[in-house]
All heavy atoms as atom14 arrays in JSON, in Angstrom:
{
  "sequence": "LVESAGGLVQAGGSLRLSCAASGRTFSRYAMGWFRQAPGKEREFLAA",
  "atom14_mask": [
    [1, 1, 1, 1, 1, 1, 1, 1, 0, 0, 0, 0, 0, 0],
    [1, 1, 1, 1, 1, 1, 1, 0, 0, 0, 0, 0, 0, 0],
    [1, 1, 1, 1, 1, 1, 1, 1, 1, 0, 0, 0, 0, 0],
    [1, 1, 1, 1, 1, 1, 0, 0, 0, 0, 0, 0, 0, 0],
    [1, 1, 1, 1, 1, 0, 0, 0, 0, 0, 0, 0, 0, 0],
    [1, 1, 1, 1, 0, 0, 0, 0, 0, 0, 0, 0, 0, 0],
    [1, 1, 1, 1, 0, 0, 0, 0, 0, 0, 0, 0, 0, 0],
    [1, 1, 1, 1, 1, 1, 1, 1, 0, 0, 0, 0, 0, 0],
    [1, 1, 1, 1, 1, 1, 1, 0, 0, 0, 0, 0, 0, 0],
    [1, 1, 1, 1, 1, 1, 1, 1, 1, 0, 0, 0, 0, 0],
    [1, 1, 1, 1, 1, 0, 0, 0, 0, 0, 0, 0, 0, 0],
    [1, 1, 1, 1, 0, 0, 0, 0, 0, 0, 0, 0, 0, 0],
    [1, 1, 1, 1, 0, 0, 0, 0, 0, 0, 0, 0, 0, 0],
    [1, 1, 1, 1, 1, 1, 0, 0, 0, 0, 0, 0, 0, 0],
    [1, 1, 1, 1, 1, 1, 1, 1, 0, 0, 0, 0, 0, 0],
    [1, 1, 1, 1, 1, 1, 1, 1, 1, 1, 1, 0, 0, 0],
    [1, 1, 1, 1, 1, 1, 1, 1, 0, 0, 0, 0, 0, 0],
    [1, 1, 1, 1, 1, 1, 0, 0, 0, 0, 0, 0, 0, 0],
    [1, 1, 1, 1, 1, 1, 0, 0, 0, 0, 0, 0, 0, 0],
    [1, 1, 1, 1, 1, 0, 0, 0, 0, 0, 0, 0, 0, 0],
    [1, 1, 1, 1, 1, 0, 0, 0, 0, 0, 0, 0, 0, 0],
    [1, 1, 1, 1, 1, 1, 0, 0, 0, 0, 0, 0, 0, 0],
    [1, 1, 1, 1, 0, 0, 0, 0, 0, 0, 0, 0, 0, 0],
    [1, 1, 1, 1, 1, 1, 1, 1, 1, 1, 1, 0, 0, 0],
    [1, 1, 1, 1, 1, 1, 1, 0, 0, 0, 0, 0, 0, 0],
    [1, 1, 1, 1, 1, 1, 1, 1, 1, 1, 1, 0, 0, 0],
    [1, 1, 1, 1, 1, 1, 0, 0, 0, 0, 0, 0, 0, 0],
    [1, 1, 1, 1, 1, 1, 1, 1, 1, 1, 1, 0, 0, 0],
    [1, 1, 1, 1, 1, 1, 1, 1, 1, 1, 1, 1, 0, 0],
    [1, 1, 1, 1, 1, 0, 0, 0, 0, 0, 0, 0, 0, 0],
    [1, 1, 1, 1, 1, 1, 1, 1, 0, 0, 0, 0, 0, 0],
    [1, 1, 1, 1, 0, 0, 0, 0, 0, 0, 0, 0, 0, 0],
    [1, 1, 1, 1, 1, 1, 1, 1, 1, 1, 1, 1, 1, 1],
    [1, 1, 1, 1, 1, 1, 1, 1, 1, 1, 1, 0, 0, 0],
    [1, 1, 1, 1, 1, 1, 1, 1, 1, 1, 1, 0, 0, 0],
    [1, 1, 1, 1, 1, 1, 1, 1, 1, 0, 0, 0, 0, 0],
    [1, 1, 1, 1, 1, 0, 0, 0, 0, 0, 0, 0, 0, 0],
    [1, 1, 1, 1, 1, 1, 1, 0, 0, 0, 0, 0, 0, 0],
    [1, 1, 1, 1, 0, 0, 0, 0, 0, 0, 0, 0, 0, 0],
    [1, 1, 1, 1, 1, 1, 1, 1, 1, 0, 0, 0, 0, 0],
    [1, 1, 1, 1, 1, 1, 1, 1, 1, 0, 0, 0, 0, 0],
    [1, 1, 1, 1, 1, 1, 1, 1, 1, 1, 1, 0, 0, 0],
    [1, 1, 1, 1, 1, 1, 1, 1, 1, 0, 0, 0, 0, 0],
    [1, 1, 1, 1, 1, 1, 1, 1, 1, 1, 1, 0, 0, 0],
    [1, 1, 1, 1, 1, 1, 1, 1, 0, 0, 0, 0, 0, 0],
    [1, 1, 1, 1, 1, 0, 0, 0, 0, 0, 0, 0, 0, 0],
    [1, 1, 1, 1, 1, 0, 0, 0, 0, 0, 0, 0, 0, 0]
  ],
  "atom14_positions": [
    [[37.46, -22.14, 35.99], [38.88, -21.78, 36.16], [39.57, -21.84, 34.77], [39.5, -22.69, 33.96], [39.54, -22.76, 37.04], [38.92, -23.04, 38.41], [39.65, -24.16, 39.18], [38.93, -21.68, 39.21], [0.0, 0.0, 0.0], [0.0, 0.0, 0.0], [0.0, 0.0, 0.0], [0.0, 0.0, 0.0], [0.0, 0.0, 0.0], [0.0, 0.0, 0.0]],
    [[40.28, -20.74, 34.54], [40.93, -20.54, 33.08], [42.4, -20.29, 33.42], [42.76, -19.11, 33.86], [40.21, -19.48, 32.27], [40.96, -19.42, 30.99], [38.77, -19.89, 31.99], [0.0, 0.0, 0.0], [0.0, 0.0, 0.0], [0.0, 0.0, 0.0], [0.0, 0.0, 0.0], [0.0, 0.0, 0.0], [0.0, 0.0, 0.0], [0.0, 0.0, 0.0]],
    [[43.24, -21.19, 32.98], [44.68, -20.91, 33.17], [45.29, -20.14, 32.03], [44.68, -20.18, 30.93], [45.5, -22.29, 33.17], [45.12, -23.09, 34.41], [44.21, -24.38, 34.04], [43.6, -24.31, 33.08], [44.31, -25.33, 34.89], [0.0, 0.0, 0.0], [0.0, 0.0, 0.0], [0.0, 0.0, 0.0], [0.0, 0.0, 0.0], [0.0, 0.0, 0.0]],
    [[46.32, -19.41, 32.31], [47.03, -18.62, 31.31], [47.72, -19.68, 30.48], [47.95, -20.87, 30.82], [47.93, -17.67, 31.9], [48.94, -18.4, 32.71], [0.0, 0.0, 0.0], [0.0, 0.0, 0.0], [0.0, 0.0, 0.0], [0.0, 0.0, 0.0], [0.0, 0.0, 0.0], [0.0, 0.0, 0.0], [0.0, 0.0, 0.0], [0.0, 0.0, 0.0]],
    [[48.21, -19.16, 29.28], [49.01, -20.11, 28.41], [50.45, -20.4, 29.21], [50.86, -19.56, 29.74], [49.31, -19.4, 27.17], [0.0, 0.0, 0.0], [0.0, 0.0, 0.0], [0.0, 0.0, 0.0], [0.0, 0.0, 0.0], [0.0, 0.0, 0.0], [0.0, 0.0, 0.0], [0.0, 0.0, 0.0], [0.0, 0.0, 0.0], [0.0, 0.0, 0.0]],
    [[50.74, -21.73, 29.05], [52.1, -22.01, 29.49], [53.13, -21.64, 28.59], [53.36, -20.46, 28.3], [0.0, 0.0, 0.0], [0.0, 0.0, 0.0], [0.0, 0.0, 0.0], [0.0, 0.0, 0.0], [0.0, 0.0, 0.0], [0.0, 0.0, 0.0], [0.0, 0.0, 0.0], [0.0, 0.0, 0.0], [0.0, 0.0, 0.0], [0.0, 0.0, 0.0]],
    [[53.9, -22.6, 28.08], [54.94, -22.25, 27.1], [56.18, -23.11, 27.1], [56.19, -24.03, 27.89], [0.0, 0.0, 0.0], [0.0, 0.0, 0.0], [0.0, 0.0, 0.0], [0.0, 0.0, 0.0], [0.0, 0.0, 0.0], [0.0, 0.0, 0.0], [0.0, 0.0, 0.0], [0.0, 0.0, 0.0], [0.0, 0.0, 0.0], [0.0, 0.0, 0.0]],
    [[57.06, -22.66, 26.37], [58.3, -23.3, 26.26], [59.48, -22.5, 26.95], [59.58, -21.26, 26.61], [58.74, -23.57, 24.73], [60.13, -24.18, 24.57], [60.21, -25.59, 25.11], [60.34, -24.25, 23.0], [0.0, 0.0, 0.0], [0.0, 0.0, 0.0], [0.0, 0.0, 0.0], [0.0, 0.0, 0.0], [0.0, 0.0, 0.0], [0.0, 0.0, 0.0]],
    [[60.18, -23.04, 27.81], [61.21, -22.28, 28.53], [62.47, -23.19, 28.59], [62.36, -24.36, 28.65], [60.68, -21.75, 29.96], [60.36, -23.05, 30.79], [61.71, -20.91, 30.58], [0.0, 0.0, 0.0], [0.0, 0.0, 0.0], [0.0, 0.0, 0.0], [0.0, 0.0, 0.0], [0.0, 0.0, 0.0], [0.0, 0.0, 0.0], [0.0, 0.0, 0.0]],
    [[63.62, -22.56, 28.63], [64.81, -23.29, 28.8], [65.05, -23.77, 30.23], [64.7, -22.95, 31.26], [65.97, -22.43, 28.18], [66.06, -22.3, 26.85], [67.29, -21.66, 26.38], [68.04, -20.79, 27.04], [67.69, -21.96, 25.11], [0.0, 0.0, 0.0], [0.0, 0.0, 0.0], [0.0, 0.0, 0.0], [0.0, 0.0, 0.0], [0.0, 0.0, 0.0]],
    [[65.77, -24.74, 30.46], [66.18, -25.18, 31.84], [66.87, -24.02, 32.55], [67.69, -23.33, 31.92], [67.07, -26.44, 31.77], [0.0, 0.0, 0.0], [0.0, 0.0, 0.0], [0.0, 0.0, 0.0], [0.0, 0.0, 0.0], [0.0, 0.0, 0.0], [0.0, 0.0, 0.0], [0.0, 0.0, 0.0], [0.0, 0.0, 0.0], [0.0, 0.0, 0.0]],
    [[66.52, -23.85, 33.72], [67.09, -22.74, 34.6], [66.13, -21.49, 34.54], [66.35, -20.57, 35.36], [0.0, 0.0, 0.0], [0.0, 0.0, 0.0], [0.0, 0.0, 0.0], [0.0, 0.0, 0.0], [0.0, 0.0, 0.0], [0.0, 0.0, 0.0], [0.0, 0.0, 0.0], [0.0, 0.0, 0.0], [0.0, 0.0, 0.0], [0.0, 0.0, 0.0]],
    [[65.35, -21.48, 33.55], [64.39, -20.31, 33.39], [63.28, -20.25, 34.34], [63.05, -21.11, 35.23], [0.0, 0.0, 0.0], [0.0, 0.0, 0.0], [0.0, 0.0, 0.0], [0.0, 0.0, 0.0], [0.0, 0.0, 0.0], [0.0, 0.0, 0.0], [0.0, 0.0, 0.0], [0.0, 0.0, 0.0], [0.0, 0.0, 0.0], [0.0, 0.0, 0.0]],
    [[62.51, -19.21, 34.26], [61.29, -19.08, 35.1], [60.07, -18.72, 34.25], [60.12, -18.4, 33.14], [61.46, -17.86, 36.03], [62.64, -18.01, 36.91], [0.0, 0.0, 0.0], [0.0, 0.0, 0.0], [0.0, 0.0, 0.0], [0.0, 0.0, 0.0], [0.0, 0.0, 0.0], [0.0, 0.0, 0.0], [0.0, 0.0, 0.0], [0.0, 0.0, 0.0]],
    [[58.9, -19.03, 34.93], [57.67, -18.91, 34.22], [56.56, -18.55, 35.39], [56.66, -19.28, 36.42], [57.26, -20.18, 33.41], [56.04, -20.12, 32.42], [56.43, -19.02, 31.36], [55.81, -21.49, 31.92], [0.0, 0.0, 0.0], [0.0, 0.0, 0.0], [0.0, 0.0, 0.0], [0.0, 0.0, 0.0], [0.0, 0.0, 0.0], [0.0, 0.0, 0.0]],
    [[55.59, -17.83, 35.04], [54.5, -17.52, 35.98], [53.15, -18.01, 35.36], [52.86, -17.5, 34.26], [54.42, -16.19, 36.53], [53.43, -16.05, 37.74], [53.34, -14.57, 38.24], [52.59, -13.7, 37.31], [52.09, -12.57, 37.78], [52.11, -12.24, 39.0], [51.38, -11.78, 36.89], [0.0, 0.0, 0.0], [0.0, 0.0, 0.0], [0.0, 0.0, 0.0]],
    [[52.51, -18.91, 35.95], [51.22, -19.24, 35.48], [50.17, -18.48, 36.32], [50.39, -18.15, 37.51], [50.95, -20.67, 35.57], [51.89, -21.66, 34.88], [51.6, -23.19, 35.23], [51.9, -21.44, 33.38], [0.0, 0.0, 0.0], [0.0, 0.0, 0.0], [0.0, 0.0, 0.0], [0.0, 0.0, 0.0], [0.0, 0.0, 0.0], [0.0, 0.0, 0.0]],
    [[49.01, -18.18, 35.63], [47.92, -17.56, 36.36], [46.69, -18.4, 36.05], [46.62, -19.11, 35.11], [47.82, -16.08, 36.03], [47.47, -15.99, 34.69], [0.0, 0.0, 0.0], [0.0, 0.0, 0.0], [0.0, 0.0, 0.0], [0.0, 0.0, 0.0], [0.0, 0.0, 0.0], [0.0, 0.0, 0.0], [0.0, 0.0, 0.0], [0.0, 0.0, 0.0]],
    [[45.71, -18.22, 37.02], [44.43, -18.97, 36.83], [43.35, -18.08, 37.32], [43.32, -17.67, 38.38], [44.45, -20.3, 37.59], [42.87, -21.11, 37.57], [0.0, 0.0, 0.0], [0.0, 0.0, 0.0], [0.0, 0.0, 0.0], [0.0, 0.0, 0.0], [0.0, 0.0, 0.0], [0.0, 0.0, 0.0], [0.0, 0.0, 0.0], [0.0, 0.0, 0.0]],
    [[42.47, -17.66, 36.42], [41.42, -16.75, 36.7], [40.08, -17.54, 36.95], [39.78, -18.42, 36.2], [41.17, -15.73, 35.53], [0.0, 0.0, 0.0], [0.0, 0.0, 0.0], [0.0, 0.0, 0.0], [0.0, 0.0, 0.0], [0.0, 0.0, 0.0], [0.0, 0.0, 0.0], [0.0, 0.0, 0.0], [0.0, 0.0, 0.0], [0.0, 0.0, 0.0]],
    [[39.39, -17.14, 37.97], [38.22, -17.84, 38.37], [37.02, -16.96, 38.26], [37.08, -15.69, 38.42], [38.26, -18.24, 39.9], [0.0, 0.0, 0.0], [0.0, 0.0, 0.0], [0.0, 0.0, 0.0], [0.0, 0.0, 0.0], [0.0, 0.0, 0.0], [0.0, 0.0, 0.0], [0.0, 0.0, 0.0], [0.0, 0.0, 0.0], [0.0, 0.0, 0.0]],
    [[35.89, -17.61, 37.82], [34.66, -16.89, 37.77], [33.93, -16.92, 39.0], [34.34, -17.69, 40.01], [33.75, -17.46, 36.69], [33.42, -18.82, 36.99], [0.0, 0.0, 0.0], [0.0, 0.0, 0.0], [0.0, 0.0, 0.0], [0.0, 0.0, 0.0], [0.0, 0.0, 0.0], [0.0, 0.0, 0.0], [0.0, 0.0, 0.0], [0.0, 0.0, 0.0]],
    [[32.93, -16.12, 39.23], [32.09, -16.18, 40.5], [32.47, -15.24, 41.51], [33.5, -14.59, 41.45], [0.0, 0.0, 0.0], [0.0, 0.0, 0.0], [0.0, 0.0, 0.0], [0.0, 0.0, 0.0], [0.0, 0.0, 0.0], [0.0, 0.0, 0.0], [0.0, 0.0, 0.0], [0.0, 0.0, 0.0], [0.0, 0.0, 0.0], [0.0, 0.0, 0.0]],
    [[31.58, -15.05, 42.54], [31.78, -14.07, 43.56], [32.26, -14.64, 44.87], [32.52, -13.94, 45.73], [30.43, -13.4, 43.76], [29.78, -12.79, 42.6], [28.42, -12.16, 43.07], [27.87, -11.43, 41.76], [26.7, -10.86, 41.82], [25.91, -10.88, 42.94], [26.2, -10.3, 40.7], [0.0, 0.0, 0.0], [0.0, 0.0, 0.0], [0.0, 0.0, 0.0]],
    [[32.51, -15.94, 44.89], [32.99, -16.56, 46.14], [34.32, -17.01, 46.06], [34.81, -17.89, 46.88], [32.04, -17.66, 46.47], [32.05, -18.66, 45.42], [30.64, -17.2, 46.76], [0.0, 0.0, 0.0], [0.0, 0.0, 0.0], [0.0, 0.0, 0.0], [0.0, 0.0, 0.0], [0.0, 0.0, 0.0], [0.0, 0.0, 0.0], [0.0, 0.0, 0.0]],
    [[35.21, -16.55, 45.21], [36.48, -16.96, 44.99], [37.33, -17.02, 46.33], [37.96, -17.88, 46.62], [37.25, -16.05, 44.09], [38.74, -16.37, 43.87], [39.14, -17.35, 43.19], [39.63, -15.56, 44.5], [40.45, -17.68, 43.01], [41.06, -15.81, 44.24], [41.4, -16.87, 43.45], [0.0, 0.0, 0.0], [0.0, 0.0, 0.0], [0.0, 0.0, 0.0]],
    [[37.18, -15.92, 47.16], [37.93, -15.91, 48.45], [37.66, -17.0, 49.44], [38.41, -17.23, 50.25], [37.67, -14.52, 49.09], [36.31, -14.46, 49.52], [0.0, 0.0, 0.0], [0.0, 0.0, 0.0], [0.0, 0.0, 0.0], [0.0, 0.0, 0.0], [0.0, 0.0, 0.0], [0.0, 0.0, 0.0], [0.0, 0.0, 0.0], [0.0, 0.0, 0.0]],
    [[36.54, -17.68, 49.21], [36.13, -18.82, 50.09], [36.63, -20.14, 49.64], [36.52, -21.08, 50.27], [34.71, -18.83, 50.17], [34.03, -17.58, 50.82], [32.54, -17.56, 50.87], [32.05, -18.56, 51.78], [30.73, -18.73, 51.98], [29.88, -18.25, 51.28], [30.44, -19.68, 52.91], [0.0, 0.0, 0.0], [0.0, 0.0, 0.0], [0.0, 0.0, 0.0]],
    [[37.4, -20.2, 48.56], [37.99, -21.31, 47.95], [39.44, -21.38, 48.26], [40.18, -20.4, 48.16], [37.79, -21.48, 46.39], [36.41, -21.81, 46.05], [35.36, -20.94, 45.86], [36.15, -23.17, 45.71], [34.09, -21.2, 45.54], [34.77, -23.5, 45.41], [33.72, -22.57, 45.22], [32.6, -22.89, 44.93], [0.0, 0.0, 0.0], [0.0, 0.0, 0.0]],
    [[39.81, -22.59, 48.84], [41.38, -22.91, 48.73], [41.61, -23.06, 47.26], [40.88, -23.73, 46.54], [41.71, -24.09, 49.52], [0.0, 0.0, 0.0], [0.0, 0.0, 0.0], [0.0, 0.0, 0.0], [0.0, 0.0, 0.0], [0.0, 0.0, 0.0], [0.0, 0.0, 0.0], [0.0, 0.0, 0.0], [0.0, 0.0, 0.0], [0.0, 0.0, 0.0]],
    [[42.87, -22.65, 46.74], [43.16, -22.84, 45.45], [44.53, -23.57, 45.38], [45.41, -23.49, 46.28], [43.38, -21.42, 44.71], [42.12, -20.58, 44.7], [40.71, -21.41, 43.82], [41.56, -21.33, 42.15], [0.0, 0.0, 0.0], [0.0, 0.0, 0.0], [0.0, 0.0, 0.0], [0.0, 0.0, 0.0], [0.0, 0.0, 0.0], [0.0, 0.0, 0.0]],
    [[44.69, -24.37, 44.36], [45.89, -25.18, 44.33], [46.31, -25.38, 42.86], [45.7, -25.1, 41.87], [0.0, 0.0, 0.0], [0.0, 0.0, 0.0], [0.0, 0.0, 0.0], [0.0, 0.0, 0.0], [0.0, 0.0, 0.0], [0.0, 0.0, 0.0], [0.0, 0.0, 0.0], [0.0, 0.0, 0.0], [0.0, 0.0, 0.0], [0.0, 0.0, 0.0]],
    [[47.54, -25.89, 42.72], [48.09, -26.32, 41.43], [48.64, -27.73, 41.53], [49.24, -28.22, 42.44], [49.3, -25.31, 41.1], [48.89, -23.99, 40.79], [48.95, -22.84, 41.57], [48.62, -23.52, 39.42], [48.5, -21.76, 40.77], [48.31, -22.14, 39.58], [48.45, -24.1, 38.18], [47.88, -21.34, 38.45], [48.15, -23.29, 37.12], [47.8, -21.88, 37.25]],
    [[48.31, -28.39, 40.33], [48.72, -29.79, 40.08], [49.35, -29.77, 38.79], [49.29, -28.92, 37.94], [47.55, -30.73, 40.09], [46.74, -30.83, 41.51], [46.02, -29.77, 41.9], [46.85, -31.97, 42.22], [45.4, -29.84, 43.15], [46.22, -32.04, 43.51], [45.48, -31.05, 43.85], [0.0, 0.0, 0.0], [0.0, 0.0, 0.0], [0.0, 0.0, 0.0]],
    [[50.1, -31.0, 38.46], [50.54, -31.28, 37.19], [50.45, -32.73, 36.86], [50.49, -33.55, 37.68], [52.01, -30.58, 36.96], [53.07, -31.49, 37.83], [54.34, -30.76, 37.71], [55.46, -31.49, 38.43], [56.7, -31.08, 38.7], [57.01, -29.86, 38.13], [57.5, -31.81, 39.36], [0.0, 0.0, 0.0], [0.0, 0.0, 0.0], [0.0, 0.0, 0.0]],
    [[50.6, -32.9, 35.47], [50.52, -34.28, 35.11], [51.53, -34.43, 33.88], [51.27, -33.78, 32.78], [49.15, -34.81, 34.73], [49.02, -36.29, 34.38], [47.63, -36.76, 34.37], [46.67, -35.97, 34.25], [47.44, -38.13, 34.46], [0.0, 0.0, 0.0], [0.0, 0.0, 0.0], [0.0, 0.0, 0.0], [0.0, 0.0, 0.0], [0.0, 0.0, 0.0]],
    [[52.53, -35.23, 34.04], [53.46, -35.48, 32.99], [53.0, -36.67, 32.22], [52.22, -37.5, 32.79], [54.9, -35.69, 33.56], [0.0, 0.0, 0.0], [0.0, 0.0, 0.0], [0.0, 0.0, 0.0], [0.0, 0.0, 0.0], [0.0, 0.0, 0.0], [0.0, 0.0, 0.0], [0.0, 0.0, 0.0], [0.0, 0.0, 0.0], [0.0, 0.0, 0.0]],
    [[53.5, -36.81, 30.95], [53.04, -37.94, 30.17], [53.4, -39.32, 30.84], [54.47, -39.51, 31.37], [53.94, -37.77, 28.91], [54.21, -36.42, 28.84], [54.31, -35.92, 30.21], [0.0, 0.0, 0.0], [0.0, 0.0, 0.0], [0.0, 0.0, 0.0], [0.0, 0.0, 0.0], [0.0, 0.0, 0.0], [0.0, 0.0, 0.0], [0.0, 0.0, 0.0]],
    [[52.38, -40.22, 30.91], [52.59, -41.5, 31.53], [52.62, -41.44, 32.94], [52.86, -42.6, 33.58], [0.0, 0.0, 0.0], [0.0, 0.0, 0.0], [0.0, 0.0, 0.0], [0.0, 0.0, 0.0], [0.0, 0.0, 0.0], [0.0, 0.0, 0.0], [0.0, 0.0, 0.0], [0.0, 0.0, 0.0], [0.0, 0.0, 0.0], [0.0, 0.0, 0.0]],
    [[52.38, -40.41, 33.64], [52.42, -40.29, 35.12], [51.07, -39.89, 35.59], [50.13, -39.28, 34.87], [53.49, -39.29, 35.51], [54.86, -39.92, 35.14], [55.95, -38.98, 35.87], [57.35, -39.58, 35.52], [58.37, -38.61, 36.19], [0.0, 0.0, 0.0], [0.0, 0.0, 0.0], [0.0, 0.0, 0.0], [0.0, 0.0, 0.0], [0.0, 0.0, 0.0]],
    [[50.86, -40.04, 37.03], [49.62, -39.64, 37.56], [49.76, -38.18, 37.87], [50.85, -37.56, 38.02], [49.45, -40.33, 38.9], [49.22, -41.93, 38.72], [48.86, -42.58, 40.06], [49.04, -41.89, 41.11], [48.53, -43.71, 39.98], [0.0, 0.0, 0.0], [0.0, 0.0, 0.0], [0.0, 0.0, 0.0], [0.0, 0.0, 0.0], [0.0, 0.0, 0.0]],
    [[48.65, -37.51, 37.98], [48.54, -36.07, 38.51], [49.0, -35.99, 39.82], [48.71, -36.74, 40.66], [47.07, -35.58, 38.31], [46.94, -34.12, 38.38], [45.56, -33.7, 38.13], [45.15, -33.95, 36.69], [44.1, -33.55, 36.09], [43.27, -32.69, 36.7], [43.77, -34.0, 34.94], [0.0, 0.0, 0.0], [0.0, 0.0, 0.0], [0.0, 0.0, 0.0]],
    [[49.89, -34.99, 40.0], [50.54, -34.84, 41.28], [50.18, -33.34, 41.85], [50.17, -32.43, 41.11], [51.98, -34.99, 41.28], [52.78, -34.03, 40.46], [54.27, -34.25, 40.57], [54.78, -34.62, 41.66], [55.03, -33.85, 39.61], [0.0, 0.0, 0.0], [0.0, 0.0, 0.0], [0.0, 0.0, 0.0], [0.0, 0.0, 0.0], [0.0, 0.0, 0.0]],
    [[50.07, -33.35, 43.21], [49.91, -32.07, 43.86], [51.23, -31.24, 43.88], [52.3, -31.76, 44.04], [49.46, -32.32, 45.23], [49.53, -31.09, 46.15], [48.49, -30.18, 46.19], [50.53, -30.9, 47.04], [48.48, -29.06, 47.01], [50.52, -29.73, 47.89], [49.56, -28.98, 47.79], [0.0, 0.0, 0.0], [0.0, 0.0, 0.0], [0.0, 0.0, 0.0]],
    [[51.14, -29.94, 43.66], [52.27, -29.0, 43.78], [52.14, -28.13, 44.89], [53.16, -28.05, 45.69], [52.45, -28.23, 42.44], [52.62, -29.02, 41.27], [52.6, -28.17, 40.04], [53.91, -29.8, 41.28], [0.0, 0.0, 0.0], [0.0, 0.0, 0.0], [0.0, 0.0, 0.0], [0.0, 0.0, 0.0], [0.0, 0.0, 0.0], [0.0, 0.0, 0.0]],
    [[51.1, -27.33, 44.93], [51.1, -26.29, 45.96], [49.56, -25.79, 46.12], [48.81, -26.04, 45.26], [51.87, -24.99, 45.58], [0.0, 0.0, 0.0], [0.0, 0.0, 0.0], [0.0, 0.0, 0.0], [0.0, 0.0, 0.0], [0.0, 0.0, 0.0], [0.0, 0.0, 0.0], [0.0, 0.0, 0.0], [0.0, 0.0, 0.0], [0.0, 0.0, 0.0]],
    [[49.29, -25.3, 47.34], [47.85, -24.81, 47.67], [48.0, -23.55, 48.41], [48.95, -23.37, 49.28], [47.06, -25.89, 48.19], [0.0, 0.0, 0.0], [0.0, 0.0, 0.0], [0.0, 0.0, 0.0], [0.0, 0.0, 0.0], [0.0, 0.0, 0.0], [0.0, 0.0, 0.0], [0.0, 0.0, 0.0], [0.0, 0.0, 0.0], [0.0, 0.0, 0.0]]
  ]
}
């Protein structure tokens, strides 16, 4: 799994992340996004 570059954005702005997967069975995987802020645990966002 290879995520696109994130970046710096101002508050109120928008950003789209992408994640490209290798392999032929991508459609059989549930896919999700998580994040981890400094000093915090990794948290679930969406799937």
